[in-house]
């Protein structure tokens, strides 16, 4: 089963999207956007930038756990991963974004 983007309005009134793997697990979370159209542009940016390993930053949090960030070609951050306990988990997350990030399915949640 393929992944999908889930787009929703937060309690703070901003729009945010999550990229979910086929099993429903969140693999990438966006920043907050003031307009729905801007969030949809963010999704389009994931779709066009997720195929290149060079667009991913592999990072370590202060607590020693692992995460990654997806950047656009201009180095602007598109989204961040969840926290992983191992480097291999983080690397599997990157592979999942590379695989699922090109999907066209967007589910809007009210």
PDB file of N, CA and C in Angstrom:
ATOM      1  N   UNK A   1       0.838  -1.188   0.000  1.00  0.00           N
ATOM      2  CA  UNK A   1       0.000   0.000   0.000  1.00  0.00           C
ATOM      3  C   UNK A   1       0.882   1.250   0.000  1.00  0.00           C
ATOM      4  N   UNK A   2       0.511   2.213  -0.782  1.00  0.00           N
ATOM      5  CA  UNK A   2       1.278   3.453  -0.891  1.00  0.00           C
ATOM      6  C   UNK A   2       0.959   4.406   0.249  1.00  0.00           C
ATOM      7  N   UNK A   3       1.863   5.318   0.452  1.00  0.00           N
ATOM      8  CA  UNK A   3       1.654   6.344   1.454  1.00  0.00           C
ATOM      9  C   UNK A   3       0.716   7.431   0.963  1.00  0.00           C
ATOM     10  N   UNK A   4       0.555   8.460   1.794  1.00  0.00           N
ATOM     11  CA  UNK A   4      -0.311   9.588   1.451  1.00  0.00           C
ATOM     12  C   UNK A   4       0.075  10.788   2.306  1.00  0.00           C
ATOM     13  N   UNK A   5      -0.383  11.935   1.864  1.00  0.00           N
ATOM     14  CA  UNK A   5      -0.235  13.163   2.631  1.00  0.00           C
ATOM     15  C   UNK A   5      -1.540  13.411   3.377  1.00  0.00           C
ATOM     16  N   UNK A   6      -1.415  13.781   4.634  1.00  0.00           N
ATOM     17  CA  UNK A   6      -2.579  14.150   5.433  1.00  0.00           C
ATOM     18  C   UNK A   6      -2.445  15.636   5.746  1.00  0.00           C
ATOM     19  N   UNK A   7      -3.425  16.415   5.320  1.00  0.00           N
ATOM     20  CA  UNK A   7      -3.421  17.868   5.486  1.00  0.00           C
ATOM     21  C   UNK A   7      -4.512  18.249   6.458  1.00  0.00           C
ATOM     22  N   UNK A   8      -4.140  19.025   7.485  1.00  0.00           N
ATOM     23  CA  UNK A   8      -5.159  19.431   8.456  1.00  0.00           C
ATOM     24  C   UNK A   8      -4.866  20.824   9.001  1.00  0.00           C
ATOM     25  N   UNK A   9      -5.919  21.425   9.541  1.00  0.00           N
ATOM     26  CA  UNK A   9      -5.802  22.727  10.187  1.00  0.00           C
ATOM     27  C   UNK A   9      -5.594  22.480  11.678  1.00  0.00           C
ATOM     28  N   UNK A  10      -4.577  23.127  12.245  1.00  0.00           N
ATOM     29  CA  UNK A  10      -4.267  22.933  13.653  1.00  0.00           C
ATOM     30  C   UNK A  10      -5.169  23.791  14.532  1.00  0.00           C
ATOM     31  N   UNK A  11      -5.131  23.519  15.822  1.00  0.00           N
ATOM     32  CA  UNK A  11      -5.914  24.324  16.766  1.00  0.00           C
ATOM     33  C   UNK A  11      -5.484  25.777  16.747  1.00  0.00           C
ATOM     34  N   UNK A  12      -4.234  26.029  16.376  1.00  0.00           N
ATOM     35  CA  UNK A  12      -3.715  27.401  16.295  1.00  0.00           C
ATOM     36  C   UNK A  12      -4.131  28.100  15.005  1.00  0.00           C
ATOM     37  N   UNK A  13      -4.877  27.385  14.126  1.00  0.00           N
ATOM     38  CA  UNK A  13      -5.374  27.984  12.900  1.00  0.00           C
ATOM     39  C   UNK A  13      -4.431  27.897  11.720  1.00  0.00           C
ATOM     40  N   UNK A  14      -3.332  27.162  11.867  1.00  0.00           N
ATOM     41  CA  UNK A  14      -2.400  26.985  10.757  1.00  0.00           C
ATOM     42  C   UNK A  14      -2.657  25.646  10.083  1.00  0.00           C
ATOM     43  N   UNK A  15      -2.112  25.500   8.882  1.00  0.00           N
ATOM     44  CA  UNK A  15      -2.216  24.246   8.143  1.00  0.00           C
ATOM     45  C   UNK A  15      -0.883  23.514   8.237  1.00  0.00           C
ATOM     46  N   UNK A  16      -0.973  22.218   8.415  1.00  0.00           N
ATOM     47  CA  UNK A  16       0.213  21.377   8.544  1.00  0.00           C
ATOM     48  C   UNK A  16      -0.073  20.070   7.816  1.00  0.00           C
ATOM     49  N   UNK A  17       0.964  19.494   7.233  1.00  0.00           N
ATOM     50  CA  UNK A  17       0.774  18.192   6.613  1.00  0.00           C
ATOM     51  C   UNK A  17       1.753  17.184   7.180  1.00  0.00           C
ATOM     52  N   UNK A  18       1.336  15.943   7.151  1.00  0.00           N
ATOM     53  CA  UNK A  18       2.187  14.812   7.489  1.00  0.00           C
ATOM     54  C   UNK A  18       2.236  13.910   6.265  1.00  0.00           C
ATOM     55  N   UNK A  19       3.408  13.378   5.989  1.00  0.00           N
ATOM     56  CA  UNK A  19       3.532  12.310   5.011  1.00  0.00           C
ATOM     57  C   UNK A  19       3.473  11.016   5.790  1.00  0.00           C
ATOM     58  N   UNK A  20       2.558  10.145   5.397  1.00  0.00           N
ATOM     59  CA  UNK A  20       2.386   8.877   6.086  1.00  0.00           C
ATOM     60  C   UNK A  20       2.793   7.727   5.165  1.00  0.00           C
ATOM     61  N   UNK A  21       3.430   6.735   5.768  1.00  0.00           N
ATOM     62  CA  UNK A  21       3.775   5.518   5.028  1.00  0.00           C
ATOM     63  C   UNK A  21       2.507   4.701   4.827  1.00  0.00           C
ATOM     64  N   UNK A  22       2.604   3.665   4.008  1.00  0.00           N
ATOM     65  CA  UNK A  22       1.451   2.816   3.726  1.00  0.00           C
ATOM     66  C   UNK A  22       0.822   2.197   4.961  1.00  0.00           C
ATOM     67  N   UNK A  23       1.602   2.042   6.038  1.00  0.00           N
ATOM     68  CA  UNK A  23       1.068   1.478   7.280  1.00  0.00           C
ATOM     69  C   UNK A  23       0.456   2.540   8.189  1.00  0.00           C
ATOM     70  N   UNK A  24       0.420   3.804   7.728  1.00  0.00           N
ATOM     71  CA  UNK A  24      -0.185   4.887   8.492  1.00  0.00           C
ATOM     72  C   UNK A  24       0.772   5.611   9.424  1.00  0.00           C
ATOM     73  N   UNK A  25       2.012   5.169   9.486  1.00  0.00           N
ATOM     74  CA  UNK A  25       2.997   5.806  10.364  1.00  0.00           C
ATOM     75  C   UNK A  25       3.453   7.133   9.761  1.00  0.00           C
ATOM     76  N   UNK A  26       3.549   8.167  10.595  1.00  0.00           N
ATOM     77  CA  UNK A  26       4.031   9.477  10.143  1.00  0.00           C
ATOM     78  C   UNK A  26       5.534   9.386   9.898  1.00  0.00           C
ATOM     79  N   UNK A  27       5.960   9.798   8.701  1.00  0.00           N
ATOM     80  CA  UNK A  27       7.381   9.764   8.383  1.00  0.00           C
ATOM     81  C   UNK A  27       7.969  11.151   8.123  1.00  0.00           C
ATOM     82  N   UNK A  28       7.119  12.158   7.950  1.00  0.00           N
ATOM     83  CA  UNK A  28       7.602  13.528   7.750  1.00  0.00           C
ATOM     84  C   UNK A  28       6.498  14.492   8.160  1.00  0.00           C
ATOM     85  N   UNK A  29       6.873  15.559   8.869  1.00  0.00           N
ATOM     86  CA  UNK A  29       5.917  16.564   9.324  1.00  0.00           C
ATOM     87  C   UNK A  29       6.380  17.935   8.863  1.00  0.00           C
ATOM     88  N   UNK A  30       5.450  18.718   8.358  1.00  0.00           N
ATOM     89  CA  UNK A  30       5.785  20.060   7.874  1.00  0.00           C
ATOM     90  C   UNK A  30       5.758  21.078   9.007  1.00  0.00           C
ATOM     91  N   UNK A  31       6.184  22.267   8.662  1.00  0.00           N
ATOM     92  CA  UNK A  31       5.993  23.428   9.518  1.00  0.00           C
ATOM     93  C   UNK A  31       4.528  23.852   9.424  1.00  0.00           C
ATOM     94  N   UNK A  32       4.130  24.831  10.188  1.00  0.00           N
ATOM     95  CA  UNK A  32       2.789  25.384  10.065  1.00  0.00           C
ATOM     96  C   UNK A  32       2.742  26.435   8.973  1.00  0.00           C
ATOM     97  N   UNK A  33       1.642  26.446   8.227  1.00  0.00           N
ATOM     98  CA  UNK A  33       1.430  27.422   7.159  1.00  0.00           C
ATOM     99  C   UNK A  33       0.164  28.210   7.453  1.00  0.00           C
ATOM    100  N   UNK A  34       0.154  29.492   7.117  1.00  0.00           N
ATOM    101  CA  UNK A  34      -1.024  30.323   7.352  1.00  0.00           C
ATOM    102  C   UNK A  34      -2.153  30.003   6.383  1.00  0.00           C
ATOM    103  N   UNK A  35      -1.826  29.576   5.173  1.00  0.00           N
ATOM    104  CA  UNK A  35      -2.838  29.311   4.143  1.00  0.00           C
ATOM    105  C   UNK A  35      -2.759  27.865   3.666  1.00  0.00           C
ATOM    106  N   UNK A  36      -3.912  27.298   3.350  1.00  0.00           N
ATOM    107  CA  UNK A  36      -3.966  25.935   2.840  1.00  0.00           C
ATOM    108  C   UNK A  36      -3.178  25.813   1.538  1.00  0.00           C
ATOM    109  N   UNK A  37      -3.263  26.816   0.690  1.00  0.00           N
ATOM    110  CA  UNK A  37      -2.541  26.788  -0.585  1.00  0.00           C
ATOM    111  C   UNK A  37      -1.035  26.705  -0.356  1.00  0.00           C
ATOM    112  N   UNK A  38      -0.537  27.372   0.671  1.00  0.00           N
ATOM    113  CA  UNK A  38       0.895  27.313   0.993  1.00  0.00           C
ATOM    114  C   UNK A  38       1.292  25.911   1.448  1.00  0.00           C
ATOM    115  N   UNK A  39       0.436  25.278   2.238  1.00  0.00           N
ATOM    116  CA  UNK A  39       0.704  23.902   2.671  1.00  0.00           C
ATOM    117  C   UNK A  39       0.718  22.959   1.471  1.00  0.00           C
ATOM    118  N   UNK A  40      -0.184  23.180   0.531  1.00  0.00           N
ATOM    119  CA  UNK A  40      -0.198  22.348  -0.675  1.00  0.00           C
ATOM    120  C   UNK A  40       1.062  22.570  -1.511  1.00  0.00           C
ATOM    121  N   UNK A  41       1.579  23.797  -1.512  1.00  0.00           N
ATOM    122  CA  UNK A  41       2.855  24.061  -2.181  1.00  0.00           C
ATOM    123  C   UNK A  41       3.985  23.313  -1.474  1.00  0.00           C
ATOM    124  N   UNK A  42       3.897  23.206  -0.145  1.00  0.00           N
ATOM    125  CA  UNK A  42       4.874  22.436   0.615  1.00  0.00           C
ATOM    126  C   UNK A  42       4.840  20.967   0.232  1.00  0.00           C
ATOM    127  N   UNK A  43       3.641  20.429   0.050  1.00  0.00           N
ATOM    128  CA  UNK A  43       3.499  19.040  -0.403  1.00  0.00           C
ATOM    129  C   UNK A  43       4.153  18.869  -1.771  1.00  0.00           C
ATOM    130  N   UNK A  44       3.902  19.813  -2.666  1.00  0.00           N
ATOM    131  CA  UNK A  44       4.512  19.754  -3.998  1.00  0.00           C
ATOM    132  C   UNK A  44       6.035  19.798  -3.897  1.00  0.00           C
ATOM    133  N   UNK A  45       6.550  20.542  -2.930  1.00  0.00           N
ATOM    134  CA  UNK A  45       7.990  20.612  -2.733  1.00  0.00           C
ATOM    135  C   UNK A  45       8.552  19.275  -2.242  1.00  0.00           C
ATOM    136  N   UNK A  46       7.817  18.591  -1.363  1.00  0.00           N
ATOM    137  CA  UNK A  46       8.232  17.248  -0.945  1.00  0.00           C
ATOM    138  C   UNK A  46       8.288  16.345  -2.174  1.00  0.00           C
ATOM    139  N   UNK A  47       7.229  16.386  -2.971  1.00  0.00           N
ATOM    140  CA  UNK A  47       7.144  15.518  -4.144  1.00  0.00           C
ATOM    141  C   UNK A  47       8.317  15.732  -5.099  1.00  0.00           C
ATOM    142  N   UNK A  48       8.750  16.967  -5.245  1.00  0.00           N
ATOM    143  CA  UNK A  48       9.823  17.243  -6.205  1.00  0.00           C
ATOM    144  C   UNK A  48      11.224  17.118  -5.608  1.00  0.00           C
ATOM    145  N   UNK A  49      11.355  17.116  -4.285  1.00  0.00           N
ATOM    146  CA  UNK A  49      12.680  17.094  -3.661  1.00  0.00           C
ATOM    147  C   UNK A  49      13.029  15.810  -2.918  1.00  0.00           C
ATOM    148  N   UNK A  50      12.075  14.900  -2.781  1.00  0.00           N
ATOM    149  CA  UNK A  50      12.307  13.707  -1.959  1.00  0.00           C
ATOM    150  C   UNK A  50      13.163  12.648  -2.646  1.00  0.00           C
ATOM    151  N   UNK A  51      13.414  12.775  -3.917  1.00  0.00           N
ATOM    152  CA  UNK A  51      14.144  11.740  -4.646  1.00  0.00           C
ATOM    153  C   UNK A  51      15.659  11.815  -4.543  1.00  0.00           C
ATOM    154  N   UNK A  52      16.198  12.911  -4.031  1.00  0.00           N
ATOM    155  CA  UNK A  52      17.655  13.089  -3.971  1.00  0.00           C
ATOM    156  C   UNK A  52      18.155  12.973  -2.530  1.00  0.00           C
ATOM    157  N   UNK A  53      19.044  12.035  -2.286  1.00  0.00           N
ATOM    158  CA  UNK A  53      19.613  11.851  -0.946  1.00  0.00           C
ATOM    159  C   UNK A  53      20.285  13.122  -0.440  1.00  0.00           C
ATOM    160  N   UNK A  54      20.802  13.931  -1.361  1.00  0.00           N
ATOM    161  CA  UNK A  54      21.505  15.160  -0.973  1.00  0.00           C
ATOM    162  C   UNK A  54      20.564  16.194  -0.342  1.00  0.00           C
ATOM    163  N   UNK A  55      19.245  16.013  -0.481  1.00  0.00           N
ATOM    164  CA  UNK A  55      18.284  16.940   0.110  1.00  0.00           C
ATOM    165  C   UNK A  55      17.934  16.588   1.554  1.00  0.00           C
ATOM    166  N   UNK A  56      18.520  15.519   2.066  1.00  0.00           N
ATOM    167  CA  UNK A  56      18.249  15.089   3.440  1.00  0.00           C
ATOM    168  C   UNK A  56      19.443  15.399   4.334  1.00  0.00           C
ATOM    169  N   UNK A  57      19.166  15.988   5.490  1.00  0.00           N
ATOM    170  CA  UNK A  57      20.180  16.175   6.522  1.00  0.00           C
ATOM    171  C   UNK A  57      19.945  15.119   7.589  1.00  0.00           C
ATOM    172  N   UNK A  58      20.986  14.345   7.905  1.00  0.00           N
ATOM    173  CA  UNK A  58      20.919  13.361   8.986  1.00  0.00           C
ATOM    174  C   UNK A  58      21.414  14.051  10.251  1.00  0.00           C
ATOM    175  N   UNK A  59      20.560  14.077  11.278  1.00  0.00           N
ATOM    176  CA  UNK A  59      20.861  14.853  12.476  1.00  0.00           C
ATOM    177  C   UNK A  59      20.743  14.010  13.742  1.00  0.00           C
ATOM    178  N   UNK A  60      21.371  14.523  14.807  1.00  0.00           N
ATOM    179  CA  UNK A  60      21.289  13.897  16.119  1.00  0.00           C
ATOM    180  C   UNK A  60      20.735  14.942  17.084  1.00  0.00           C
ATOM    181  N   UNK A  61      19.683  14.577  17.805  1.00  0.00           N
ATOM    182  CA  UNK A  61      19.068  15.473  18.781  1.00  0.00           C
ATOM    183  C   UNK A  61      19.941  15.566  20.038  1.00  0.00           C
ATOM    184  N   UNK A  62      19.647  16.544  20.889  1.00  0.00           N
ATOM    185  CA  UNK A  62      20.406  16.732  22.126  1.00  0.00           C
ATOM    186  C   UNK A  62      20.373  15.501  23.022  1.00  0.00           C
ATOM    187  N   UNK A  63      19.302  14.719  22.920  1.00  0.00           N
ATOM    188  CA  UNK A  63      19.174  13.521  23.750  1.00  0.00           C
ATOM    189  C   UNK A  63      19.871  12.299  23.144  1.00  0.00           C
ATOM    190  N   UNK A  64      20.597  12.501  22.042  1.00  0.00           N
ATOM    191  CA  UNK A  64      21.330  11.419  21.412  1.00  0.00           C
ATOM    192  C   UNK A  64      20.512  10.580  20.441  1.00  0.00           C
ATOM    193  N   UNK A  65      19.241  10.913  20.263  1.00  0.00           N
ATOM    194  CA  UNK A  65      18.390  10.194  19.316  1.00  0.00           C
ATOM    195  C   UNK A  65      18.591  10.783  17.920  1.00  0.00           C
ATOM    196  N   UNK A  66      18.049  10.113  16.933  1.00  0.00           N
ATOM    197  CA  UNK A  66      18.326  10.451  15.533  1.00  0.00           C
ATOM    198  C   UNK A  66      17.068  10.949  14.815  1.00  0.00           C
ATOM    199  N   UNK A  67      17.268  11.873  13.886  1.00  0.00           N
ATOM    200  CA  UNK A  67      16.172  12.357  13.048  1.00  0.00           C
ATOM    201  C   UNK A  67      16.759  12.903  11.752  1.00  0.00           C
ATOM    202  N   UNK A  68      15.875  13.266  10.837  1.00  0.00           N
ATOM    203  CA  UNK A  68      16.332  13.851   9.579  1.00  0.00           C
ATOM    204  C   UNK A  68      15.444  15.011   9.195  1.00  0.00           C
ATOM    205  N   UNK A  69      15.966  15.789   8.275  1.00  0.00           N
ATOM    206  CA  UNK A  69      15.249  16.956   7.751  1.00  0.00           C
ATOM    207  C   UNK A  69      15.311  16.866   6.233  1.00  0.00           C
ATOM    208  N   UNK A  70      14.204  17.170   5.569  1.00  0.00           N
ATOM    209  CA  UNK A  70      14.165  17.254   4.107  1.00  0.00           C
ATOM    210  C   UNK A  70      14.210  18.721   3.715  1.00  0.00           C
ATOM    211  N   UNK A  71      15.137  19.045   2.823  1.00  0.00           N
ATOM    212  CA  UNK A  71      15.316  20.418   2.364  1.00  0.00           C
ATOM    213  C   UNK A  71      14.982  20.539   0.887  1.00  0.00           C
ATOM    214  N   UNK A  72      14.544  21.726   0.508  1.00  0.00           N
ATOM    215  CA  UNK A  72      14.366  22.043  -0.908  1.00  0.00           C
ATOM    216  C   UNK A  72      15.732  22.333  -1.514  1.00  0.00           C
ATOM    217  N   UNK A  73      15.787  22.478  -2.814  1.00  0.00           N
ATOM    218  CA  UNK A  73      17.045  22.758  -3.502  1.00  0.00           C
ATOM    219  C   UNK A  73      17.692  24.043  -2.989  1.00  0.00           C
ATOM    220  N   UNK A  74      16.878  25.001  -2.520  1.00  0.00           N
ATOM    221  CA  UNK A  74      17.406  26.263  -1.989  1.00  0.00           C
ATOM    222  C   UNK A  74      17.778  26.153  -0.509  1.00  0.00           C
ATOM    223  N   UNK A  75      17.748  24.924   0.031  1.00  0.00           N
ATOM    224  CA  UNK A  75      18.118  24.588   1.413  1.00  0.00           C
ATOM    225  C   UNK A  75      17.065  25.000   2.444  1.00  0.00           C
ATOM    226  N   UNK A  76      15.900  25.457   1.998  1.00  0.00           N
ATOM    227  CA  UNK A  76      14.813  25.753   2.930  1.00  0.00           C
ATOM    228  C   UNK A  76      14.235  24.428   3.421  1.00  0.00           C
ATOM    229  N   UNK A  77      13.984  24.352   4.730  1.00  0.00           N
ATOM    230  CA  UNK A  77      13.457  23.119   5.319  1.00  0.00           C
ATOM    231  C   UNK A  77      12.012  22.905   4.880  1.00  0.00           C
ATOM    232  N   UNK A  78      11.725  21.705   4.386  1.00  0.00           N
ATOM    233  CA  UNK A  78      10.363  21.341   3.976  1.00  0.00           C
ATOM    234  C   UNK A  78       9.663  20.592   5.101  1.00  0.00           C
ATOM    235  N   UNK A  79      10.394  19.690   5.751  1.00  0.00           N
ATOM    236  CA  UNK A  79       9.789  18.908   6.815  1.00  0.00           C
ATOM    237  C   UNK A  79      10.824  18.186   7.654  1.00  0.00           C
ATOM    238  N   UNK A  80      10.385  17.735   8.825  1.00  0.00           N
ATOM    239  CA  UNK A  80      11.232  17.016   9.765  1.00  0.00           C
ATOM    240  C   UNK A  80      10.635  15.652  10.054  1.00  0.00           C
ATOM    241  N   UNK A  81      11.519  14.724  10.393  1.00  0.00           N
ATOM    242  CA  UNK A  81      11.072  13.377  10.730  1.00  0.00           C
ATOM    243  C   UNK A  81      10.684  13.294  12.198  1.00  0.00           C
ATOM    244  N   UNK A  82      10.216  12.131  12.565  1.00  0.00           N
ATOM    245  CA  UNK A  82      10.028  11.788  13.959  1.00  0.00           C
ATOM    246  C   UNK A  82      11.412  11.470  14.535  1.00  0.00           C
ATOM    247  N   UNK A  83      11.482  11.207  15.809  1.00  0.00           N
ATOM    248  CA  UNK A  83      12.733  10.828  16.462  1.00  0.00           C
ATOM    249  C   UNK A  83      12.888   9.307  16.402  1.00  0.00           C
ATOM    250  N   UNK A  84      14.083   8.865  16.069  1.00  0.00           N
ATOM    251  CA  UNK A  84      14.399   7.440  15.979  1.00  0.00           C
ATOM    252  C   UNK A  84      15.444   7.085  17.030  1.00  0.00           C
ATOM    253  N   UNK A  85      15.371   5.881  17.554  1.00  0.00           N
ATOM    254  CA  UNK A  85      16.334   5.462  18.571  1.00  0.00           C
ATOM    255  C   UNK A  85      17.657   5.005  17.962  1.00  0.00           C
ATOM    256  N   UNK A  86      17.664   4.667  16.675  1.00  0.00           N
ATOM    257  CA  UNK A  86      18.889   4.192  16.025  1.00  0.00           C
ATOM    258  C   UNK A  86      19.133   4.925  14.715  1.00  0.00           C
ATOM    259  N   UNK A  87      20.385   4.928  14.287  1.00  0.00           N
ATOM    260  CA  UNK A  87      20.735   5.507  12.993  1.00  0.00           C
ATOM    261  C   UNK A  87      20.073   4.736  11.861  1.00  0.00           C
ATOM    262  N   UNK A  88      20.021   3.418  11.985  1.00  0.00           N
ATOM    263  CA  UNK A  88      19.406   2.615  10.918  1.00  0.00           C
ATOM    264  C   UNK A  88      17.909   2.898  10.821  1.00  0.00           C
ATOM    265  N   UNK A  89      17.253   3.174  11.942  1.00  0.00           N
ATOM    266  CA  UNK A  89      15.843   3.564  11.903  1.00  0.00           C
ATOM    267  C   UNK A  89      15.657   4.866  11.151  1.00  0.00           C
ATOM    268  N   UNK A  90      16.550   5.825  11.421  1.00  0.00           N
ATOM    269  CA  UNK A  90      16.501   7.104  10.706  1.00  0.00           C
ATOM    270  C   UNK A  90      16.728   6.888   9.222  1.00  0.00           C
ATOM    271  N   UNK A  91      17.704   6.057   8.869  1.00  0.00           N
ATOM    272  CA  UNK A  91      17.994   5.804   7.461  1.00  0.00           C
ATOM    273  C   UNK A  91      16.825   5.106   6.769  1.00  0.00           C
ATOM    274  N   UNK A  92      16.151   4.218   7.479  1.00  0.00           N
ATOM    275  CA  UNK A  92      14.947   3.585   6.930  1.00  0.00           C
ATOM    276  C   UNK A  92      13.840   4.614   6.733  1.00  0.00           C
ATOM    277  N   UNK A  93      13.754   5.600   7.645  1.00  0.00           N
ATOM    278  CA  UNK A  93      12.778   6.681   7.494  1.00  0.00           C
ATOM    279  C   UNK A  93      13.039   7.505   6.250  1.00  0.00           C
ATOM    280  N   UNK A  94      14.301   7.802   5.988  1.00  0.00           N
ATOM    281  CA  UNK A  94      14.664   8.540   4.773  1.00  0.00           C
ATOM    282  C   UNK A  94      14.262   7.742   3.541  1.00  0.00           C
ATOM    283  N   UNK A  95      14.572   6.452   3.547  1.00  0.00           N
ATOM    284  CA  UNK A  95      14.203   5.601   2.411  1.00  0.00           C
ATOM    285  C   UNK A  95      12.693   5.585   2.207  1.00  0.00           C
ATOM    286  N   UNK A  96      11.943   5.609   3.306  1.00  0.00           N
ATOM    287  CA  UNK A  96      10.484   5.606   3.207  1.00  0.00           C
ATOM    288  C   UNK A  96       9.966   6.916   2.616  1.00  0.00           C
ATOM    289  N   UNK A  97      10.568   8.042   2.995  1.00  0.00           N
ATOM    290  CA  UNK A  97      10.171   9.328   2.407  1.00  0.00           C
ATOM    291  C   UNK A  97      10.518   9.340   0.917  1.00  0.00           C
ATOM    292  N   UNK A  98      11.684   8.807   0.567  1.00  0.00           N
ATOM    293  CA  UNK A  98      12.063   8.758  -0.849  1.00  0.00           C
ATOM    294  C   UNK A  98      11.075   7.909  -1.645  1.00  0.00           C
ATOM    295  N   UNK A  99      10.568   6.852  -1.047  1.00  0.00           N
ATOM    296  CA  UNK A  99       9.620   5.961  -1.715  1.00  0.00           C
ATOM    297  C   UNK A  99       8.206   6.551  -1.753  1.00  0.00           C
ATOM    298  N   UNK A 100       7.750   7.082  -0.627  1.00  0.00           N
ATOM    299  CA  UNK A 100       6.358   7.522  -0.499  1.00  0.00           C
ATOM    300  C   UNK A 100       6.125   8.993  -0.823  1.00  0.00           C
ATOM    301  N   UNK A 101       7.190   9.786  -0.869  1.00  0.00           N
ATOM    302  CA  UNK A 101       7.034  11.232  -1.022  1.00  0.00           C
ATOM    303  C   UNK A 101       6.510  11.700  -2.355  1.00  0.00           C
ATOM    304  N   UNK A 102       6.530  10.858  -3.357  1.00  0.00           N
ATOM    305  CA  UNK A 102       6.058  11.253  -4.688  1.00  0.00           C
ATOM    306  C   UNK A 102       4.573  10.969  -4.909  1.00  0.00           C
ATOM    307  N   UNK A 103       3.905  10.411  -3.895  1.00  0.00           N
ATOM    308  CA  UNK A 103       2.477  10.066  -4.058  1.00  0.00           C
ATOM    309  C   UNK A 103       1.647  11.333  -4.289  1.00  0.00           C
ATOM    310  N   UNK A 104       0.534  11.149  -4.963  1.00  0.00           N
ATOM    311  CA  UNK A 104      -0.364  12.265  -5.238  1.00  0.00           C
ATOM    312  C   UNK A 104      -1.565  12.306  -4.319  1.00  0.00           C
ATOM    313  N   UNK A 105      -1.710  11.318  -3.455  1.00  0.00           N
ATOM    314  CA  UNK A 105      -2.882  11.247  -2.590  1.00  0.00           C
ATOM    315  C   UNK A 105      -2.747  12.221  -1.434  1.00  0.00           C
ATOM    316  N   UNK A 106      -3.716  13.125  -1.338  1.00  0.00           N
ATOM    317  CA  UNK A 106      -3.784  14.083  -0.223  1.00  0.00           C
ATOM    318  C   UNK A 106      -5.143  13.904   0.454  1.00  0.00           C
ATOM    319  N   UNK A 107      -5.110  13.550   1.725  1.00  0.00           N
ATOM    320  CA  UNK A 107      -6.336  13.396   2.504  1.00  0.00           C
ATOM    321  C   UNK A 107      -6.453  14.607   3.422  1.00  0.00           C
ATOM    322  N   UNK A 108      -7.507  15.373   3.222  1.00  0.00           N
ATOM    323  CA  UNK A 108      -7.731  16.549   4.061  1.00  0.00           C
ATOM    324  C   UNK A 108      -8.571  16.138   5.254  1.00  0.00           C
ATOM    325  N   UNK A 109      -8.080  16.457   6.448  1.00  0.00           N
ATOM    326  CA  UNK A 109      -8.755  16.088   7.685  1.00  0.00           C
ATOM    327  C   UNK A 109      -9.355  17.365   8.281  1.00  0.00           C
ATOM    328  N   UNK A 110     -10.605  17.276   8.636  1.00  0.00           N
ATOM    329  CA  UNK A 110     -11.292  18.438   9.237  1.00  0.00           C
ATOM    330  C   UNK A 110     -11.063  18.492  10.713  1.00  0.00           C
TER     331      UNK A 110
END
